[in-house]
Amino acid sequence: MTNKLSLLDVVTLTEDLPEHQLWSGQVGTIVEILADGGAFEVEFSDREGRVYAALGVTPGTINAAAF
């Protein structure tokens, strides 16, 4: 990935994570940068803003969302 991911960036999953009931393309927000950018805490929220999943992911499992 050429773009540096930052705190509060909107990202999409690049792979299915069925153990967390998350699927490729789902949109989340980076809420914490871990291990000097080697991992990120990402929250996934519903339309009312309620978090339904939060987990640590590696940079290879997310991409910056393009609007």
PDB file of N, CA and C in Angstrom:
ATOM      1  N   MET A   1       0.848  -1.181   0.000  1.00  0.00           N
ATOM      2  CA  MET A   1       0.000   0.000   0.000  1.00  0.00           C
ATOM      3  C   MET A   1       0.885   1.233   0.000  1.00  0.00           C
ATOM      4  N   THR A   2       0.568   2.200  -0.834  1.00  0.00           N
ATOM      5  CA  THR A   2       1.388   3.393  -0.935  1.00  0.00           C
ATOM      6  C   THR A   2       0.895   4.509  -0.033  1.00  0.00           C
ATOM      7  N   ASN A   3      -0.383   4.523   0.324  1.00  0.00           N
ATOM      8  CA  ASN A   3      -0.929   5.568   1.180  1.00  0.00           C
ATOM      9  C   ASN A   3      -0.739   5.198   2.635  1.00  0.00           C
ATOM     10  N   LYS A   4      -0.268   6.162   3.415  1.00  0.00           N
ATOM     11  CA  LYS A   4      -0.118   5.935   4.853  1.00  0.00           C
ATOM     12  C   LYS A   4      -1.489   6.090   5.511  1.00  0.00           C
ATOM     13  N   LEU A   5      -1.851   5.107   6.310  1.00  0.00           N
ATOM     14  CA  LEU A   5      -3.117   5.167   7.034  1.00  0.00           C
ATOM     15  C   LEU A   5      -2.931   5.958   8.314  1.00  0.00           C
ATOM     16  N   SER A   6      -3.955   6.730   8.668  1.00  0.00           N
ATOM     17  CA  SER A   6      -3.890   7.615   9.829  1.00  0.00           C
ATOM     18  C   SER A   6      -5.090   7.398  10.738  1.00  0.00           C
ATOM     19  N   LEU A   7      -4.971   7.900  11.945  1.00  0.00           N
ATOM     20  CA  LEU A   7      -6.050   7.870  12.914  1.00  0.00           C
ATOM     21  C   LEU A   7      -7.303   8.510  12.311  1.00  0.00           C
ATOM     22  N   LEU A   8      -8.436   7.858  12.483  1.00  0.00           N
ATOM     23  CA  LEU A   8      -9.761   8.276  12.029  1.00  0.00           C
ATOM     24  C   LEU A   8      -9.972   8.140  10.526  1.00  0.00           C
ATOM     25  N   ASP A   9      -9.028   7.509   9.811  1.00  0.00           N
ATOM     26  CA  ASP A   9      -9.258   7.211   8.398  1.00  0.00           C
ATOM     27  C   ASP A   9     -10.390   6.203   8.268  1.00  0.00           C
ATOM     28  N   VAL A  10     -11.178   6.362   7.225  1.00  0.00           N
ATOM     29  CA  VAL A  10     -12.216   5.392   6.886  1.00  0.00           C
ATOM     30  C   VAL A  10     -11.569   4.353   5.987  1.00  0.00           C
ATOM     31  N   VAL A  11     -11.785   3.078   6.324  1.00  0.00           N
ATOM     32  CA  VAL A  11     -11.139   1.983   5.603  1.00  0.00           C
ATOM     33  C   VAL A  11     -12.159   0.918   5.229  1.00  0.00           C
ATOM     34  N   THR A  12     -11.779   0.064   4.282  1.00  0.00           N
ATOM     35  CA  THR A  12     -12.595  -1.089   3.924  1.00  0.00           C
ATOM     36  C   THR A  12     -11.776  -2.356   4.127  1.00  0.00           C
ATOM     37  N   LEU A  13     -12.454  -3.410   4.498  1.00  0.00           N
ATOM     38  CA  LEU A  13     -11.787  -4.707   4.633  1.00  0.00           C
ATOM     39  C   LEU A  13     -11.465  -5.268   3.256  1.00  0.00           C
ATOM     40  N   THR A  14     -10.321  -5.913   3.142  1.00  0.00           N
ATOM     41  CA  THR A  14      -9.924  -6.521   1.871  1.00  0.00           C
ATOM     42  C   THR A  14     -10.150  -8.023   1.867  1.00  0.00           C
ATOM     43  N   GLU A  15     -10.571  -8.575   2.991  1.00  0.00           N
ATOM     44  CA  GLU A  15     -10.832 -10.015   3.071  1.00  0.00           C
ATOM     45  C   GLU A  15     -11.943 -10.293   4.075  1.00  0.00           C
ATOM     46  N   ASP A  16     -12.569 -11.433   3.940  1.00  0.00           N
ATOM     47  CA  ASP A  16     -13.599 -11.855   4.882  1.00  0.00           C
ATOM     48  C   ASP A  16     -12.964 -12.248   6.208  1.00  0.00           C
ATOM     49  N   LEU A  17     -13.617 -11.874   7.298  1.00  0.00           N
ATOM     50  CA  LEU A  17     -13.224 -12.286   8.646  1.00  0.00           C
ATOM     51  C   LEU A  17     -14.441 -12.937   9.303  1.00  0.00           C
ATOM     52  N   PRO A  18     -14.807 -14.143   8.846  1.00  0.00           N
ATOM     53  CA  PRO A  18     -16.052 -14.764   9.312  1.00  0.00           C
ATOM     54  C   PRO A  18     -16.091 -15.008  10.812  1.00  0.00           C
ATOM     55  N   GLU A  19     -14.944 -15.181  11.442  1.00  0.00           N
ATOM     56  CA  GLU A  19     -14.927 -15.385  12.889  1.00  0.00           C
ATOM     57  C   GLU A  19     -15.414 -14.158  13.654  1.00  0.00           C
ATOM     58  N   HIS A  20     -15.435 -12.997  12.957  1.00  0.00           N
ATOM     59  CA  HIS A  20     -15.939 -11.752  13.544  1.00  0.00           C
ATOM     60  C   HIS A  20     -17.216 -11.284  12.847  1.00  0.00           C
ATOM     61  N   GLN A  21     -17.723 -12.108  11.931  1.00  0.00           N
ATOM     62  CA  GLN A  21     -18.902 -11.782  11.125  1.00  0.00           C
ATOM     63  C   GLN A  21     -18.700 -10.475  10.360  1.00  0.00           C
ATOM     64  N   LEU A  22     -17.503 -10.315   9.802  1.00  0.00           N
ATOM     65  CA  LEU A  22     -17.168  -9.167   8.969  1.00  0.00           C
ATOM     66  C   LEU A  22     -16.759  -9.681   7.595  1.00  0.00           C
ATOM     67  N   TRP A  23     -17.088  -8.887   6.552  1.00  0.00           N
ATOM     68  CA  TRP A  23     -16.899  -9.354   5.184  1.00  0.00           C
ATOM     69  C   TRP A  23     -16.154  -8.320   4.362  1.00  0.00           C
ATOM     70  N   SER A  24     -15.442  -8.797   3.375  1.00  0.00           N
ATOM     71  CA  SER A  24     -14.692  -7.924   2.475  1.00  0.00           C
ATOM     72  C   SER A  24     -15.591  -6.791   1.977  1.00  0.00           C
ATOM     73  N   GLY A  25     -15.075  -5.572   2.026  1.00  0.00           N
ATOM     74  CA  GLY A  25     -15.834  -4.405   1.591  1.00  0.00           C
ATOM     75  C   GLY A  25     -16.514  -3.648   2.708  1.00  0.00           C
ATOM     76  N   GLN A  26     -16.629  -4.268   3.898  1.00  0.00           N
ATOM     77  CA  GLN A  26     -17.259  -3.543   5.006  1.00  0.00           C
ATOM     78  C   GLN A  26     -16.380  -2.364   5.401  1.00  0.00           C
ATOM     79  N   VAL A  27     -17.050  -1.290   5.810  1.00  0.00           N
ATOM     80  CA  VAL A  27     -16.387  -0.027   6.104  1.00  0.00           C
ATOM     81  C   VAL A  27     -16.227   0.148   7.609  1.00  0.00           C
ATOM     82  N   GLY A  28     -15.039   0.591   8.016  1.00  0.00           N
ATOM     83  CA  GLY A  28     -14.752   0.863   9.417  1.00  0.00           C
ATOM     84  C   GLY A  28     -13.903   2.116   9.553  1.00  0.00           C
ATOM     85  N   THR A  29     -13.579   2.457  10.787  1.00  0.00           N
ATOM     86  CA  THR A  29     -12.776   3.635  11.089  1.00  0.00           C
ATOM     87  C   THR A  29     -11.590   3.248  11.955  1.00  0.00           C
ATOM     88  N   ILE A  30     -10.412   3.718  11.604  1.00  0.00           N
ATOM     89  CA  ILE A  30      -9.227   3.478  12.430  1.00  0.00           C
ATOM     90  C   ILE A  30      -9.351   4.327  13.693  1.00  0.00           C
ATOM     91  N   VAL A  31      -9.325   3.677  14.854  1.00  0.00           N
ATOM     92  CA  VAL A  31      -9.448   4.394  16.123  1.00  0.00           C
ATOM     93  C   VAL A  31      -8.169   4.321  16.953  1.00  0.00           C
ATOM     94  N   GLU A  32      -7.218   3.509  16.516  1.00  0.00           N
ATOM     95  CA  GLU A  32      -5.939   3.410  17.227  1.00  0.00           C
ATOM     96  C   GLU A  32      -4.890   2.876  16.264  1.00  0.00           C
ATOM     97  N   ILE A  33      -3.700   3.455  16.336  1.00  0.00           N
ATOM     98  CA  ILE A  33      -2.564   2.959  15.568  1.00  0.00           C
ATOM     99  C   ILE A  33      -1.673   2.192  16.534  1.00  0.00           C
ATOM    100  N   LEU A  34      -1.377   0.951  16.179  1.00  0.00           N
ATOM    101  CA  LEU A  34      -0.617   0.058  17.054  1.00  0.00           C
ATOM    102  C   LEU A  34       0.705  -0.327  16.407  1.00  0.00           C
ATOM    103  N   ALA A  35       1.695  -0.668  17.225  1.00  0.00           N
ATOM    104  CA  ALA A  35       2.976  -1.191  16.744  1.00  0.00           C
ATOM    105  C   ALA A  35       3.589  -0.308  15.656  1.00  0.00           C
ATOM    106  N   ASP A  36       3.572   1.004  15.884  1.00  0.00           N
ATOM    107  CA  ASP A  36       4.144   1.955  14.919  1.00  0.00           C
ATOM    108  C   ASP A  36       3.597   1.766  13.511  1.00  0.00           C
ATOM    109  N   GLY A  37       2.302   1.506  13.390  1.00  0.00           N
ATOM    110  CA  GLY A  37       1.663   1.341  12.093  1.00  0.00           C
ATOM    111  C   GLY A  37       1.651  -0.092  11.587  1.00  0.00           C
ATOM    112  N   GLY A  38       2.141  -1.018  12.411  1.00  0.00           N
ATOM    113  CA  GLY A  38       2.134  -2.421  12.024  1.00  0.00           C
ATOM    114  C   GLY A  38       0.782  -3.087  12.233  1.00  0.00           C
ATOM    115  N   ALA A  39      -0.117  -2.391  12.918  1.00  0.00           N
ATOM    116  CA  ALA A  39      -1.472  -2.888  13.155  1.00  0.00           C
ATOM    117  C   ALA A  39      -2.364  -1.690  13.492  1.00  0.00           C
ATOM    118  N   PHE A  40      -3.672  -1.903  13.343  1.00  0.00           N
ATOM    119  CA  PHE A  40      -4.642  -0.840  13.603  1.00  0.00           C
ATOM    120  C   PHE A  40      -5.839  -1.412  14.331  1.00  0.00           C
ATOM    121  N   GLU A  41      -6.387  -0.639  15.255  1.00  0.00           N
ATOM    122  CA  GLU A  41      -7.673  -0.967  15.865  1.00  0.00           C
ATOM    123  C   GLU A  41      -8.735  -0.293  15.011  1.00  0.00           C
ATOM    124  N   VAL A  42      -9.655  -1.086  14.484  1.00  0.00           N
ATOM    125  CA  VAL A  42     -10.694  -0.575  13.597  1.00  0.00           C
ATOM    126  C   VAL A  42     -12.056  -0.863  14.217  1.00  0.00           C
ATOM    127  N   GLU A  43     -12.919   0.150  14.224  1.00  0.00           N
ATOM    128  CA  GLU A  43     -14.290  -0.007  14.703  1.00  0.00           C
ATOM    129  C   GLU A  43     -15.238  -0.028  13.516  1.00  0.00           C
ATOM    130  N   PHE A  44     -16.226  -0.899  13.607  1.00  0.00           N
ATOM    131  CA  PHE A  44     -17.273  -1.009  12.608  1.00  0.00           C
ATOM    132  C   PHE A  44     -18.577  -0.646  13.289  1.00  0.00           C
ATOM    133  N   SER A  45     -19.308   0.326  12.726  1.00  0.00           N
ATOM    134  CA  SER A  45     -20.507   0.864  13.365  1.00  0.00           C
ATOM    135  C   SER A  45     -21.715   0.748  12.448  1.00  0.00           C
ATOM    136  N   ASP A  46     -22.905   0.726  13.081  1.00  0.00           N
ATOM    137  CA  ASP A  46     -24.132   0.725  12.293  1.00  0.00           C
ATOM    138  C   ASP A  46     -24.507   2.162  11.930  1.00  0.00           C
ATOM    139  N   ARG A  47     -25.629   2.328  11.277  1.00  0.00           N
ATOM    140  CA  ARG A  47     -26.047   3.661  10.810  1.00  0.00           C
ATOM    141  C   ARG A  47     -26.360   4.631  11.936  1.00  0.00           C
ATOM    142  N   GLU A  48     -26.626   4.106  13.131  1.00  0.00           N
ATOM    143  CA  GLU A  48     -26.882   4.970  14.287  1.00  0.00           C
ATOM    144  C   GLU A  48     -25.596   5.271  15.057  1.00  0.00           C
ATOM    145  N   GLY A  49     -24.474   4.763  14.583  1.00  0.00           N
ATOM    146  CA  GLY A  49     -23.202   5.021  15.236  1.00  0.00           C
ATOM    147  C   GLY A  49     -22.843   4.042  16.335  1.00  0.00           C
ATOM    148  N   ARG A  50     -23.630   2.985  16.516  1.00  0.00           N
ATOM    149  CA  ARG A  50     -23.331   1.980  17.541  1.00  0.00           C
ATOM    150  C   ARG A  50     -22.281   1.002  17.008  1.00  0.00           C
ATOM    151  N   VAL A  51     -21.227   0.837  17.765  1.00  0.00           N
ATOM    152  CA  VAL A  51     -20.156  -0.074  17.356  1.00  0.00           C
ATOM    153  C   VAL A  51     -20.634  -1.511  17.503  1.00  0.00           C
ATOM    154  N   TYR A  52     -20.537  -2.290  16.437  1.00  0.00           N
ATOM    155  CA  TYR A  52     -20.901  -3.702  16.501  1.00  0.00           C
ATOM    156  C   TYR A  52     -19.685  -4.612  16.418  1.00  0.00           C
ATOM    157  N   ALA A  53     -18.523  -4.063  16.078  1.00  0.00           N
ATOM    158  CA  ALA A  53     -17.286  -4.846  16.074  1.00  0.00           C
ATOM    159  C   ALA A  53     -16.108  -3.890  16.196  1.00  0.00           C
ATOM    160  N   ALA A  54     -15.110  -4.309  16.935  1.00  0.00           N
ATOM    161  CA  ALA A  54     -13.856  -3.567  17.052  1.00  0.00           C
ATOM    162  C   ALA A  54     -12.749  -4.600  17.170  1.00  0.00           C
ATOM    163  N   LEU A  55     -11.761  -4.499  16.294  1.00  0.00           N
ATOM    164  CA  LEU A  55     -10.683  -5.480  16.351  1.00  0.00           C
ATOM    165  C   LEU A  55      -9.415  -4.916  15.761  1.00  0.00           C
ATOM    166  N   GLY A  56      -8.312  -5.540  16.157  1.00  0.00           N
ATOM    167  CA  GLY A  56      -7.014  -5.191  15.609  1.00  0.00           C
ATOM    168  C   GLY A  56      -6.805  -5.910  14.291  1.00  0.00           C
ATOM    169  N   VAL A  57      -6.311  -5.178  13.293  1.00  0.00           N
ATOM    170  CA  VAL A  57      -6.038  -5.754  11.978  1.00  0.00           C
ATOM    171  C   VAL A  57      -4.671  -5.292  11.501  1.00  0.00           C
ATOM    172  N   THR A  58      -4.106  -6.043  10.584  1.00  0.00           N
ATOM    173  CA  THR A  58      -2.832  -5.659   9.970  1.00  0.00           C
ATOM    174  C   THR A  58      -3.100  -4.801   8.732  1.00  0.00           C
ATOM    175  N   PRO A  59      -2.116  -4.045   8.293  1.00  0.00           N
ATOM    176  CA  PRO A  59      -2.330  -3.186   7.123  1.00  0.00           C
ATOM    177  C   PRO A  59      -2.783  -3.941   5.874  1.00  0.00           C
ATOM    178  N   GLY A  60      -2.424  -5.195   5.732  1.00  0.00           N
ATOM    179  CA  GLY A  60      -2.809  -5.972   4.559  1.00  0.00           C
ATOM    180  C   GLY A  60      -4.276  -6.338   4.493  1.00  0.00           C
ATOM    181  N   THR A  61      -5.006  -6.170   5.594  1.00  0.00           N
ATOM    182  CA  THR A  61      -6.424  -6.539   5.598  1.00  0.00           C
ATOM    183  C   THR A  61      -7.349  -5.357   5.404  1.00  0.00           C
ATOM    184  N   ILE A  62      -6.789  -4.139   5.243  1.00  0.00           N
ATOM    185  CA  ILE A  62      -7.606  -2.948   5.047  1.00  0.00           C
ATOM    186  C   ILE A  62      -6.997  -2.067   3.957  1.00  0.00           C
ATOM    187  N   ASN A  63      -7.857  -1.277   3.343  1.00  0.00           N
ATOM    188  CA  ASN A  63      -7.456  -0.246   2.383  1.00  0.00           C
ATOM    189  C   ASN A  63      -8.161   1.044   2.750  1.00  0.00           C
ATOM    190  N   ALA A  64      -7.530   2.168   2.451  1.00  0.00           N
ATOM    191  CA  ALA A  64      -8.205   3.453   2.617  1.00  0.00           C
ATOM    192  C   ALA A  64      -9.437   3.468   1.721  1.00  0.00           C
ATOM    193  N   ALA A  65     -10.552   3.917   2.263  1.00  0.00           N
ATOM    194  CA  ALA A  65     -11.783   3.987   1.476  1.00  0.00           C
ATOM    195  C   ALA A  65     -11.687   5.132   0.476  1.00  0.00           C
ATOM    196  N   ALA A  66     -12.179   4.885  -0.712  1.00  0.00           N
ATOM    197  CA  ALA A  66     -12.200   5.909  -1.764  1.00  0.00           C
ATOM    198  C   ALA A  66     -13.638   6.398  -1.925  1.00  0.00           C
ATOM    199  N   PHE A  67     -13.801   7.689  -1.824  1.00  0.00           N
ATOM    200  CA  PHE A  67     -15.145   8.276  -1.942  1.00  0.00           C
ATOM    201  C   PHE A  67     -15.282   8.997  -3.251  1.00  0.00           C
TER     202      PHE A  67
END
